[in-house]
N, C-alpha and C. Protein backbone atom coordinates (compact mmCIF):
# COMPACT_ATOMS: atom_id res chain seq x y z
N UNK A 1 -92.69 150.12 -146.18
CA UNK A 1 -93.78 149.53 -145.94
C UNK A 1 -94.03 149.04 -147.60
N UNK A 2 -94.55 147.65 -147.67
CA UNK A 2 -95.01 146.61 -148.85
C UNK A 2 -96.49 147.06 -149.06
N UNK A 3 -96.99 147.66 -150.04
CA UNK A 3 -98.74 148.10 -149.60
C UNK A 3 -99.58 146.97 -150.30
N UNK A 4 -98.34 146.03 -151.28
CA UNK A 4 -99.23 144.65 -151.43
C UNK A 4 -99.52 143.77 -150.14
N UNK A 5 -98.43 144.27 -149.60
CA UNK A 5 -98.99 143.30 -148.43
C UNK A 5 -98.38 141.65 -148.57
N UNK A 6 -97.13 141.95 -149.54
CA UNK A 6 -96.23 141.12 -149.97
C UNK A 6 -95.21 141.29 -149.53
N UNK A 7 -94.28 139.84 -148.80
CA UNK A 7 -93.07 140.52 -148.56
C UNK A 7 -92.25 140.84 -149.32
N UNK A 8 -91.02 141.69 -149.69
CA UNK A 8 -90.07 142.14 -150.80
C UNK A 8 -89.06 141.51 -149.77
N UNK A 9 -88.79 140.40 -149.77
CA UNK A 9 -87.54 139.59 -149.56
C UNK A 9 -87.54 138.25 -149.44
N UNK A 10 -86.91 137.47 -150.60
CA UNK A 10 -86.53 136.58 -150.91
C UNK A 10 -85.41 135.58 -150.67
N UNK A 11 -85.29 134.07 -150.91
CA UNK A 11 -84.03 133.73 -150.34
C UNK A 11 -82.84 134.02 -151.08
N UNK A 12 -82.60 134.72 -152.17
CA UNK A 12 -81.06 135.49 -152.43
C UNK A 12 -80.88 136.42 -151.20
N UNK A 13 -82.39 137.41 -150.92
CA UNK A 13 -82.04 138.02 -150.01
C UNK A 13 -80.98 137.93 -148.31
N UNK A 14 -82.15 136.78 -147.80
CA UNK A 14 -81.34 136.11 -146.90
C UNK A 14 -80.79 135.19 -146.65
N UNK A 15 -79.86 134.87 -147.82
CA UNK A 15 -78.46 134.19 -147.68
C UNK A 15 -77.48 135.47 -148.16
N UNK A 16 -77.89 136.24 -149.13
CA UNK A 16 -76.94 137.76 -149.01
C UNK A 16 -76.72 138.31 -147.71
N UNK A 17 -77.55 138.29 -147.06
CA UNK A 17 -77.57 138.81 -145.74
C UNK A 17 -76.41 138.17 -144.89
N UNK A 18 -76.79 136.50 -144.77
CA UNK A 18 -76.00 135.57 -144.05
C UNK A 18 -74.60 135.78 -144.43
N UNK A 19 -74.51 136.14 -145.47
CA UNK A 19 -73.08 135.65 -146.16
C UNK A 19 -72.44 137.01 -145.84
N UNK A 20 -72.88 138.47 -145.82
CA UNK A 20 -72.26 139.42 -145.17
C UNK A 20 -72.34 139.55 -143.96
N UNK A 21 -72.93 139.33 -143.24
CA UNK A 21 -72.81 139.21 -141.56
C UNK A 21 -71.64 138.06 -141.51
N UNK A 22 -71.05 137.12 -141.80
CA UNK A 22 -70.44 136.09 -141.98
C UNK A 22 -68.82 136.62 -142.39
N UNK A 23 -68.65 137.84 -143.37
CA UNK A 23 -67.37 138.13 -143.73
C UNK A 23 -67.16 139.38 -143.01
N UNK A 24 -65.35 139.03 -142.85
CA UNK A 24 -65.08 140.15 -141.57
C UNK A 24 -64.73 141.87 -142.76
N UNK A 25 -65.52 142.52 -142.05
CA UNK A 25 -65.42 144.17 -143.03
C UNK A 25 -65.90 144.76 -141.73
N UNK A 26 -65.58 145.93 -141.82
CA UNK A 26 -65.93 147.01 -140.89
C UNK A 26 -67.64 147.49 -141.11
N UNK A 27 -68.10 146.82 -140.56
CA UNK A 27 -69.35 147.10 -140.60
C UNK A 27 -70.02 148.56 -140.21
N UNK A 28 -68.88 148.51 -138.78
CA UNK A 28 -68.96 150.16 -138.50
C UNK A 28 -69.47 151.36 -139.17
N UNK A 29 -68.71 151.33 -139.99
CA UNK A 29 -68.60 152.12 -141.56
C UNK A 29 -69.47 152.37 -142.43
N UNK A 30 -70.26 151.29 -142.59
CA UNK A 30 -71.38 151.66 -143.50
C UNK A 30 -72.89 151.13 -142.87
N UNK A 31 -73.25 151.38 -141.00
CA UNK A 31 -74.32 150.82 -140.60
C UNK A 31 -74.74 151.94 -139.43
N UNK A 32 -73.35 152.75 -138.45
CA UNK A 32 -73.39 153.68 -137.36
C UNK A 32 -73.81 155.16 -137.95
N UNK A 33 -73.10 155.34 -139.15
CA UNK A 33 -73.75 156.47 -139.40
C UNK A 33 -74.19 157.49 -138.72
N UNK A 34 -75.72 157.43 -139.17
CA UNK A 34 -76.42 157.85 -138.41
C UNK A 34 -77.05 157.84 -137.31
N UNK A 35 -76.62 156.66 -136.37
CA UNK A 35 -77.24 156.61 -135.41
C UNK A 35 -76.15 157.01 -133.56
N UNK A 36 -76.89 157.35 -132.25
CA UNK A 36 -76.15 157.99 -132.03
C UNK A 36 -75.31 157.02 -131.48
N UNK A 37 -74.23 157.75 -130.26
CA UNK A 37 -73.16 156.62 -129.45
C UNK A 37 -74.40 155.89 -128.40
N UNK A 38 -73.30 154.36 -129.04
CA UNK A 38 -74.47 153.38 -127.84
C UNK A 38 -74.82 153.55 -126.24
N UNK A 39 -74.14 154.81 -125.75
CA UNK A 39 -74.79 155.01 -124.53
C UNK A 39 -75.82 155.34 -124.69
N UNK A 40 -76.81 156.24 -125.70
CA UNK A 40 -77.80 156.43 -125.88
C UNK A 40 -79.21 156.04 -126.91
N UNK A 41 -78.62 154.90 -127.17
CA UNK A 41 -79.69 153.57 -128.02
C UNK A 41 -79.51 152.18 -127.29
N UNK A 42 -80.37 151.75 -127.40
CA UNK A 42 -80.71 150.14 -127.35
C UNK A 42 -81.53 149.33 -128.19
N UNK A 43 -81.12 148.28 -128.59
CA UNK A 43 -82.15 147.24 -129.15
C UNK A 43 -83.11 147.02 -128.61
N UNK A 44 -84.21 147.03 -129.08
CA UNK A 44 -85.52 146.50 -128.68
C UNK A 44 -86.20 145.43 -129.86
N UNK A 45 -87.14 144.35 -129.17
CA UNK A 45 -88.36 143.61 -129.46
C UNK A 45 -88.92 144.08 -130.84
N UNK A 46 -89.50 145.44 -130.27
CA UNK A 46 -90.03 146.09 -131.64
C UNK A 46 -90.46 147.24 -131.44
N UNK A 47 -90.75 148.65 -131.86
CA UNK A 47 -90.68 149.54 -131.42
C UNK A 47 -91.78 149.91 -130.29
N UNK A 48 -93.22 148.63 -130.60
CA UNK A 48 -94.29 148.84 -129.34
C UNK A 48 -94.00 148.51 -127.79
N UNK A 49 -92.56 147.55 -127.87
CA UNK A 49 -91.95 147.40 -126.39
C UNK A 49 -91.12 148.30 -126.31
N UNK A 50 -90.23 149.06 -127.13
CA UNK A 50 -89.33 149.96 -126.96
C UNK A 50 -89.94 151.53 -126.04
N UNK A 51 -91.61 151.72 -126.97
CA UNK A 51 -92.57 152.16 -126.42
C UNK A 51 -93.14 152.17 -124.86
N UNK A 52 -93.15 150.64 -124.60
CA UNK A 52 -93.75 150.36 -123.53
C UNK A 52 -93.09 150.27 -122.41
N UNK A 53 -91.76 150.23 -122.60
CA UNK A 53 -90.68 150.37 -121.96
C UNK A 53 -90.10 152.16 -121.45
N UNK A 54 -90.46 152.98 -122.49
CA UNK A 54 -89.79 154.19 -122.15
C UNK A 54 -91.16 154.84 -121.70
N UNK A 55 -92.44 154.55 -121.99
CA UNK A 55 -93.27 154.91 -120.84
C UNK A 55 -93.41 154.55 -119.54
N UNK A 56 -93.05 153.31 -119.39
CA UNK A 56 -92.47 152.62 -117.98
C UNK A 56 -91.94 153.49 -116.99
N UNK A 57 -90.46 154.43 -117.94
CA UNK A 57 -89.75 154.76 -117.72
C UNK A 57 -89.85 156.56 -116.69
N UNK A 58 -90.88 156.60 -118.06
CA UNK A 58 -91.27 158.42 -117.71
C UNK A 58 -91.86 158.44 -116.11
N UNK A 59 -92.74 157.57 -115.71
CA UNK A 59 -93.33 157.06 -114.55
C UNK A 59 -94.44 158.62 -114.52
N UNK A 60 -95.38 158.82 -115.62
CA UNK A 60 -95.68 159.73 -115.21
C UNK A 60 -96.81 159.06 -114.57
N UNK A 61 -97.95 160.73 -113.69
CA UNK A 61 -99.41 160.48 -112.84
C UNK A 61 -100.06 159.88 -113.87
N UNK A 62 -100.75 159.08 -113.51
CA UNK A 62 -102.45 158.65 -114.23
C UNK A 62 -103.29 159.59 -114.64
N UNK A 63 -103.93 159.50 -115.67
CA UNK A 63 -104.69 160.81 -116.44
C UNK A 63 -103.43 161.43 -116.97
N UNK A 64 -102.45 161.38 -117.38
CA UNK A 64 -101.23 162.22 -117.66
C UNK A 64 -102.08 162.15 -119.51
N UNK A 65 -101.74 163.35 -119.88
CA UNK A 65 -102.45 162.86 -121.89
C UNK A 65 -101.67 162.73 -122.20
N UNK A 66 -101.29 162.28 -123.71
CA UNK A 66 -100.62 161.62 -124.77
C UNK A 66 -100.72 162.37 -126.19
N UNK A 67 -99.96 162.98 -126.10
CA UNK A 67 -100.66 163.44 -127.78
C UNK A 67 -100.25 162.78 -128.81
N UNK A 68 -100.96 162.42 -129.71
CA UNK A 68 -100.75 161.22 -130.38
C UNK A 68 -101.24 161.65 -132.33
N UNK A 69 -100.13 161.22 -133.60
CA UNK A 69 -100.61 161.48 -134.16
C UNK A 69 -101.90 160.75 -134.73
N UNK A 70 -103.16 161.49 -135.24
CA UNK A 70 -104.38 160.33 -135.01
C UNK A 70 -104.05 159.23 -136.13
N UNK A 71 -103.29 158.75 -137.30
CA UNK A 71 -103.40 157.63 -137.63
C UNK A 71 -101.97 157.25 -136.93
N UNK A 72 -102.06 156.23 -136.56
CA UNK A 72 -101.05 155.16 -136.11
C UNK A 72 -102.32 153.85 -135.90
N UNK A 73 -100.91 152.81 -135.29
CA UNK A 73 -101.20 151.90 -135.31
C UNK A 73 -102.45 151.37 -133.41
N UNK A 74 -103.26 151.19 -133.80
CA UNK A 74 -104.32 150.76 -132.26
C UNK A 74 -102.98 150.26 -131.46
N UNK A 75 -101.92 149.40 -131.49
CA UNK A 75 -101.28 149.04 -129.88
C UNK A 75 -100.83 150.26 -129.62
N UNK A 76 -100.51 151.06 -130.46
CA UNK A 76 -99.59 152.50 -129.39
C UNK A 76 -100.68 153.11 -128.54
N UNK A 77 -102.09 153.21 -128.99
CA UNK A 77 -102.53 154.06 -128.21
C UNK A 77 -103.39 152.77 -127.00
N UNK A 78 -103.50 151.65 -127.47
CA UNK A 78 -103.46 150.25 -125.85
C UNK A 78 -102.44 150.29 -125.17
N UNK A 79 -100.92 151.03 -125.15
CA UNK A 79 -100.46 150.76 -124.64
C UNK A 79 -100.27 152.00 -124.19
N UNK A 80 -100.57 152.98 -124.45
CA UNK A 80 -101.03 154.24 -123.43
C UNK A 80 -101.98 154.05 -122.66
N UNK A 81 -103.11 153.61 -122.86
CA UNK A 81 -104.20 153.56 -121.36
C UNK A 81 -103.91 152.26 -120.77
N UNK A 82 -102.97 151.36 -121.29
CA UNK A 82 -102.23 150.28 -120.35
C UNK A 82 -101.67 151.24 -119.35
N UNK A 83 -100.59 152.08 -119.00
CA UNK A 83 -100.26 152.49 -118.54
C UNK A 83 -100.57 153.76 -117.62
N UNK A 84 -102.22 153.73 -117.69
CA UNK A 84 -102.80 154.44 -117.06
C UNK A 84 -102.92 156.04 -117.54
N UNK A 85 -102.67 156.35 -118.79
CA UNK A 85 -102.43 157.72 -119.39
C UNK A 85 -103.59 157.17 -120.12
N UNK A 86 -103.33 158.78 -120.93
CA UNK A 86 -104.59 159.23 -121.82
C UNK A 86 -103.90 159.36 -122.73
N UNK A 87 -104.37 158.96 -124.10
CA UNK A 87 -104.10 158.77 -125.53
C UNK A 87 -104.85 160.02 -126.34
N UNK A 88 -104.45 160.94 -126.82
CA UNK A 88 -104.92 162.02 -127.26
C UNK A 88 -104.84 162.42 -128.67
N UNK A 89 -105.79 162.31 -129.77
CA UNK A 89 -105.27 162.00 -130.88
C UNK A 89 -104.80 163.81 -131.80
N UNK A 90 -104.34 163.44 -132.48
CA UNK A 90 -103.92 164.97 -132.90
C UNK A 90 -104.14 164.64 -134.58
N UNK A 91 -104.82 165.66 -135.39
CA UNK A 91 -105.40 165.72 -136.75
C UNK A 91 -104.10 165.75 -137.27
N UNK A 92 -103.95 164.74 -138.53
CA UNK A 92 -102.48 165.47 -139.22
C UNK A 92 -103.07 166.06 -140.73
N UNK A 93 -101.86 167.04 -141.19
CA UNK A 93 -102.19 167.62 -142.39
C UNK A 93 -102.43 166.50 -143.41
N UNK A 94 -102.62 166.41 -144.39
CA UNK A 94 -102.64 165.29 -145.58
C UNK A 94 -101.95 165.63 -146.64
N UNK A 95 -101.54 167.24 -146.71
CA UNK A 95 -100.34 167.14 -147.67
C UNK A 95 -98.78 166.99 -146.92
N UNK A 96 -99.29 167.03 -146.24
CA UNK A 96 -97.63 167.09 -145.04
C UNK A 96 -97.33 165.79 -143.94
N UNK A 97 -98.31 164.99 -143.85
CA UNK A 97 -98.05 164.03 -142.67
C UNK A 97 -97.79 164.42 -141.85
N UNK A 98 -97.51 165.71 -141.48
CA UNK A 98 -97.11 166.29 -140.04
C UNK A 98 -98.81 166.63 -139.66
N UNK A 99 -98.64 167.15 -137.59
CA UNK A 99 -99.19 167.15 -137.28
C UNK A 99 -100.35 168.45 -137.52
N UNK A 100 -101.22 168.36 -137.49
CA UNK A 100 -102.13 169.81 -138.12
C UNK A 100 -101.88 170.87 -137.02
N UNK A 101 -100.78 171.87 -136.54
CA UNK A 101 -101.16 173.35 -135.74
C UNK A 101 -101.93 173.66 -135.30
N UNK A 102 -103.66 173.62 -135.82
CA UNK A 102 -104.64 173.97 -135.07
C UNK A 102 -104.85 172.80 -134.28
N UNK A 103 -104.93 171.42 -134.84
CA UNK A 103 -105.52 170.28 -133.89
C UNK A 103 -104.59 170.14 -133.07
N UNK A 104 -103.62 170.40 -133.06
CA UNK A 104 -102.63 169.97 -132.06
C UNK A 104 -102.53 170.95 -130.60
N UNK A 105 -103.05 172.35 -131.14
CA UNK A 105 -102.98 173.10 -130.04
C UNK A 105 -104.39 172.96 -129.72
N UNK A 106 -105.30 172.46 -129.82
CA UNK A 106 -106.46 172.37 -129.66
C UNK A 106 -106.52 170.89 -128.40
N UNK A 107 -105.49 170.18 -129.02
CA UNK A 107 -105.48 168.41 -128.23
C UNK A 107 -104.52 169.33 -126.87
N UNK A 108 -103.66 169.81 -126.91
CA UNK A 108 -102.81 170.42 -125.75
C UNK A 108 -103.35 171.22 -124.70
N UNK A 109 -103.66 170.13 -123.00
CA UNK A 109 -104.23 170.64 -122.72
C UNK A 109 -102.89 170.96 -120.93
N UNK A 110 -103.65 170.88 -119.82
CA UNK A 110 -102.19 171.18 -118.74
C UNK A 110 -101.49 169.86 -118.03
N UNK A 111 -102.95 168.74 -118.71
CA UNK A 111 -102.68 167.42 -118.33
C UNK A 111 -101.42 166.84 -119.41
N UNK A 112 -101.79 167.50 -120.45
CA UNK A 112 -100.37 166.90 -121.60
C UNK A 112 -99.35 166.44 -121.12
N UNK A 113 -98.77 165.28 -121.37
CA UNK A 113 -97.21 165.53 -121.28
C UNK A 113 -96.30 165.03 -122.26
N UNK A 114 -96.36 164.03 -122.88
CA UNK A 114 -95.78 164.09 -124.18
C UNK A 114 -96.64 163.83 -125.44
N UNK A 115 -95.75 164.05 -126.99
CA UNK A 115 -96.25 164.25 -127.51
C UNK A 115 -95.15 163.00 -128.72
N UNK A 116 -96.41 162.40 -129.60
CA UNK A 116 -95.91 160.74 -130.01
C UNK A 116 -95.62 161.38 -131.34
N UNK A 117 -94.95 161.87 -132.66
CA UNK A 117 -94.94 161.92 -134.02
C UNK A 117 -94.70 160.81 -134.20
N UNK A 118 -95.42 160.74 -135.28
CA UNK A 118 -95.25 159.16 -136.75
C UNK A 118 -95.02 159.67 -137.94
N UNK A 119 -93.70 159.27 -138.41
CA UNK A 119 -93.99 159.30 -139.93
C UNK A 119 -94.70 157.94 -140.30
N UNK A 120 -95.28 158.63 -141.24
CA UNK A 120 -96.43 157.52 -141.61
C UNK A 120 -95.96 157.14 -143.31
N UNK A 121 -96.08 156.09 -143.80
CA UNK A 121 -96.05 155.37 -144.89
C UNK A 121 -94.90 155.84 -145.77
N UNK A 122 -93.89 155.36 -144.98
CA UNK A 122 -92.39 155.82 -145.83
C UNK A 122 -91.85 156.82 -145.78
N UNK A 123 -92.85 158.29 -145.37
CA UNK A 123 -92.23 159.71 -145.43
C UNK A 123 -91.82 159.70 -144.55
N UNK A 124 -90.57 160.53 -144.91
CA UNK A 124 -89.74 161.60 -143.94
C UNK A 124 -90.57 162.58 -143.71
N UNK A 125 -91.39 163.35 -142.52
CA UNK A 125 -91.60 164.29 -142.17
C UNK A 125 -91.39 165.13 -141.59
N UNK A 126 -91.51 166.59 -141.83
CA UNK A 126 -91.14 167.36 -140.77
C UNK A 126 -91.37 168.06 -139.98
N UNK A 127 -91.14 167.96 -138.75
CA UNK A 127 -91.78 167.94 -137.34
C UNK A 127 -91.37 168.92 -136.73
N UNK A 128 -90.97 169.72 -137.50
CA UNK A 128 -89.70 171.48 -136.40
C UNK A 128 -91.16 172.05 -135.91
N UNK A 129 -92.29 172.28 -136.51
CA UNK A 129 -93.05 173.09 -136.21
C UNK A 129 -93.50 172.52 -134.40
N UNK A 130 -94.17 171.61 -134.67
CA UNK A 130 -94.61 170.53 -133.80
C UNK A 130 -93.55 170.47 -132.74
N UNK A 131 -92.50 170.31 -132.70
CA UNK A 131 -91.21 170.19 -132.03
C UNK A 131 -91.17 171.24 -130.74
N UNK A 132 -91.16 172.72 -131.79
CA UNK A 132 -90.88 173.85 -131.45
C UNK A 132 -92.27 173.45 -130.18
N UNK A 133 -93.79 173.47 -131.10
CA UNK A 133 -94.61 173.49 -129.93
C UNK A 133 -94.65 172.49 -128.45
N UNK A 134 -94.08 172.11 -129.07
CA UNK A 134 -93.83 170.49 -127.43
C UNK A 134 -92.73 171.24 -126.36
N UNK A 135 -91.81 171.69 -127.14
CA UNK A 135 -90.62 172.58 -126.31
C UNK A 135 -91.48 173.32 -125.51
N UNK A 136 -92.01 174.16 -126.09
CA UNK A 136 -92.94 175.66 -125.66
C UNK A 136 -93.85 174.93 -124.76
N UNK A 137 -94.81 173.84 -124.28
CA UNK A 137 -95.09 173.29 -124.09
C UNK A 137 -94.79 172.52 -122.97
N UNK A 138 -93.92 172.20 -122.79
CA UNK A 138 -93.10 171.17 -121.94
C UNK A 138 -93.26 169.75 -122.13
N UNK A 139 -93.46 169.44 -123.18
CA UNK A 139 -94.35 168.04 -123.93
C UNK A 139 -92.63 166.76 -123.64
N UNK A 140 -92.84 165.86 -123.59
CA UNK A 140 -91.57 164.86 -124.09
C UNK A 140 -91.86 164.77 -125.65
N UNK A 141 -90.85 165.09 -126.30
CA UNK A 141 -91.25 164.19 -127.45
C UNK A 141 -90.78 162.95 -127.92
N UNK A 142 -91.42 161.78 -128.41
CA UNK A 142 -91.25 160.66 -129.15
C UNK A 142 -91.36 160.60 -130.51
N UNK A 143 -90.44 160.37 -131.36
CA UNK A 143 -90.93 160.32 -132.54
C UNK A 143 -90.72 158.66 -133.35
N UNK A 144 -91.70 158.57 -133.63
CA UNK A 144 -92.19 157.12 -134.13
C UNK A 144 -91.37 157.19 -135.66
N UNK A 145 -89.95 156.43 -135.93
CA UNK A 145 -89.65 155.94 -136.93
C UNK A 145 -89.87 154.78 -137.89
N UNK A 146 -90.96 154.25 -137.06
CA UNK A 146 -91.29 152.48 -137.71
C UNK A 146 -91.47 152.57 -138.90
N UNK A 147 -91.94 153.11 -139.42
CA UNK A 147 -92.21 153.44 -141.44
C UNK A 147 -91.49 154.19 -141.92
N UNK A 148 -90.23 154.65 -141.35
CA UNK A 148 -89.59 155.44 -142.35
C UNK A 148 -88.20 155.35 -142.88
N UNK A 149 -87.62 154.52 -141.83
CA UNK A 149 -86.22 153.97 -141.95
C UNK A 149 -86.09 152.96 -143.51
N UNK A 150 -84.82 153.75 -144.25
CA UNK A 150 -84.89 152.89 -145.17
C UNK A 150 -83.32 152.87 -145.82
N UNK A 151 -82.55 153.14 -144.65
CA UNK A 151 -81.08 152.46 -144.09
C UNK A 151 -80.20 153.53 -144.84
N UNK A 152 -80.89 154.90 -145.52
CA UNK A 152 -79.62 155.92 -145.79
C UNK A 152 -79.42 156.63 -144.60
N UNK A 153 -79.48 157.72 -144.71
CA UNK A 153 -78.64 158.62 -143.91
C UNK A 153 -79.97 159.37 -142.42
N UNK A 154 -81.40 158.70 -143.01
CA UNK A 154 -82.62 159.73 -142.74
C UNK A 154 -82.33 158.96 -140.96
N UNK A 155 -82.49 159.90 -139.99
CA UNK A 155 -82.23 158.98 -138.71
C UNK A 155 -83.31 159.89 -137.34
N UNK A 156 -84.26 160.58 -138.16
CA UNK A 156 -85.29 161.15 -137.25
C UNK A 156 -84.70 162.73 -137.20
N UNK A 157 -85.43 163.51 -136.11
CA UNK A 157 -85.06 164.77 -136.08
C UNK A 157 -84.57 164.91 -134.31
N UNK A 158 -82.97 165.41 -134.61
CA UNK A 158 -82.13 165.46 -133.16
C UNK A 158 -82.82 166.39 -132.77
N UNK A 159 -83.80 166.83 -132.11
CA UNK A 159 -84.72 167.94 -131.54
C UNK A 159 -85.61 166.80 -130.54
N UNK A 160 -85.66 165.65 -131.03
CA UNK A 160 -86.74 165.01 -130.23
C UNK A 160 -86.27 164.04 -128.86
N UNK A 161 -87.32 163.69 -128.20
CA UNK A 161 -86.53 163.43 -127.28
C UNK A 161 -86.21 161.71 -127.12
N UNK A 162 -86.96 161.39 -127.87
CA UNK A 162 -86.35 159.99 -127.91
C UNK A 162 -87.29 159.79 -129.27
N UNK A 163 -86.74 158.56 -130.19
CA UNK A 163 -86.78 157.90 -131.60
C UNK A 163 -87.05 156.63 -131.54
N UNK A 164 -87.81 156.09 -132.09
CA UNK A 164 -87.83 154.39 -132.09
C UNK A 164 -87.66 154.05 -133.70
N UNK A 165 -87.23 153.80 -133.95
CA UNK A 165 -87.02 152.54 -135.03
C UNK A 165 -87.23 151.29 -135.35
N UNK A 166 -88.15 150.66 -136.48
CA UNK A 166 -88.39 148.81 -136.54
C UNK A 166 -87.64 148.30 -137.90
N UNK A 167 -86.99 147.63 -137.58
CA UNK A 167 -86.83 146.32 -138.50
C UNK A 167 -87.76 144.98 -138.88
N UNK A 168 -88.62 145.35 -138.58
CA UNK A 168 -89.36 144.43 -138.70
C UNK A 168 -89.67 143.55 -140.16
N UNK A 169 -90.57 142.92 -139.87
CA UNK A 169 -90.20 141.83 -142.01
C UNK A 169 -91.11 142.66 -142.69
N UNK A 170 -92.04 144.15 -142.60
CA UNK A 170 -93.12 144.25 -144.30
C UNK A 170 -92.47 145.79 -143.50
N UNK A 171 -90.73 146.01 -143.29
CA UNK A 171 -90.08 147.49 -143.79
C UNK A 171 -89.17 147.16 -144.57
N UNK A 172 -89.06 148.46 -144.98
CA UNK A 172 -88.24 148.54 -146.23
C UNK A 172 -86.82 148.30 -146.03
N UNK A 173 -86.29 148.37 -144.72
CA UNK A 173 -84.84 148.11 -144.75
C UNK A 173 -85.01 146.85 -143.34
N UNK A 174 -85.13 145.94 -143.72
CA UNK A 174 -85.85 144.92 -142.63
C UNK A 174 -84.78 143.89 -142.33
N UNK A 175 -84.73 143.64 -140.78
CA UNK A 175 -83.89 142.98 -140.31
C UNK A 175 -84.51 141.32 -140.00
N UNK A 176 -85.84 141.47 -140.27
CA UNK A 176 -86.91 140.23 -140.20
C UNK A 176 -87.70 140.22 -138.68
N UNK A 177 -87.26 141.79 -137.91
CA UNK A 177 -87.41 141.79 -136.46
C UNK A 177 -86.36 143.02 -135.91
N UNK A 178 -87.08 143.24 -134.55
CA UNK A 178 -86.19 144.16 -133.81
C UNK A 178 -86.52 145.60 -133.79
N UNK A 179 -85.46 146.52 -133.08
CA UNK A 179 -86.27 147.95 -133.11
C UNK A 179 -84.90 148.87 -132.72
N UNK A 180 -84.88 150.11 -132.57
CA UNK A 180 -84.31 150.73 -132.00
C UNK A 180 -84.78 151.86 -130.94
N UNK A 181 -83.79 151.53 -130.03
CA UNK A 181 -84.34 152.93 -129.08
C UNK A 181 -83.85 153.53 -128.70
N UNK A 182 -83.95 154.75 -129.75
CA UNK A 182 -82.82 155.86 -128.69
C UNK A 182 -83.75 157.14 -128.11
N UNK A 183 -82.34 157.51 -127.24
CA UNK A 183 -82.94 158.74 -126.21
C UNK A 183 -82.07 159.28 -125.92
N UNK A 184 -82.12 161.04 -126.14
CA UNK A 184 -81.53 162.09 -125.72
C UNK A 184 -80.67 162.39 -124.37
N UNK A 185 -81.67 161.47 -123.27
CA UNK A 185 -81.15 161.84 -122.06
C UNK A 185 -81.08 160.30 -121.47
N UNK A 186 -79.66 160.07 -120.65
CA UNK A 186 -78.93 159.20 -120.91
C UNK A 186 -80.05 158.87 -119.19
N UNK A 187 -80.57 159.17 -118.64
CA UNK A 187 -80.86 159.10 -117.01
C UNK A 187 -82.15 158.33 -117.54
N UNK A 188 -82.98 158.65 -118.60
CA UNK A 188 -83.73 158.06 -118.83
C UNK A 188 -83.77 156.67 -119.94
N UNK A 189 -82.61 156.51 -120.45
CA UNK A 189 -82.57 155.73 -121.05
C UNK A 189 -81.88 154.56 -120.25
N UNK A 190 -81.39 154.82 -119.36
CA UNK A 190 -80.59 154.31 -118.15
C UNK A 190 -81.49 153.57 -116.94
N UNK A 191 -83.11 154.25 -117.24
CA UNK A 191 -83.90 153.45 -116.60
C UNK A 191 -84.50 152.68 -117.27
N UNK A 192 -85.07 152.25 -118.73
CA UNK A 192 -85.35 152.00 -119.54
C UNK A 192 -84.77 150.46 -119.38
N UNK A 193 -83.15 150.82 -119.30
CA UNK A 193 -82.15 149.70 -119.24
C UNK A 193 -81.85 148.79 -118.09
N UNK A 194 -82.86 149.45 -116.80
CA UNK A 194 -83.10 148.90 -116.04
C UNK A 194 -84.25 147.99 -115.81
N UNK A 195 -85.21 148.60 -116.29
CA UNK A 195 -86.33 148.11 -116.63
C UNK A 195 -86.13 146.42 -117.10
């Protein structure tokens, strides 16, 4: 993320990217190491479009609750509401940026179906406890990695059911747009792709 609201990309960066794209070399060795097989991921316009498609594929009953990090972009809550679902904010621990355990427990109810965990402000959060809580409560875990991808080996938590990565213009590792949706459940991803 660029806290100064100023793009950290120039003409030299764009030219370098164009040249590297045109050169013949093994891109797979550089870029695909942290990513799952193509059968478990797909490219999207943005994290929001991937999230929208995933919620459509899950086909949750109206009124189902989606527990979400209380700090997130407003569009994520709007997308949840557009599907007839109820966004339920979960406070975060200011020291770790992970969901506060007490808040998560209080937010969860019999209507809860999904837990959305957001890595915030470029941090790579440890969501192990939250994911364990989600498993114990039969929640589908969606990990929003939009702000955390830095081009390194970090690819979210393998225990998440789905992960979303953004390559928009204000991201650390930008492609000036696009996103990647990963899903551990091939049947859910197939539904997303058919939509």
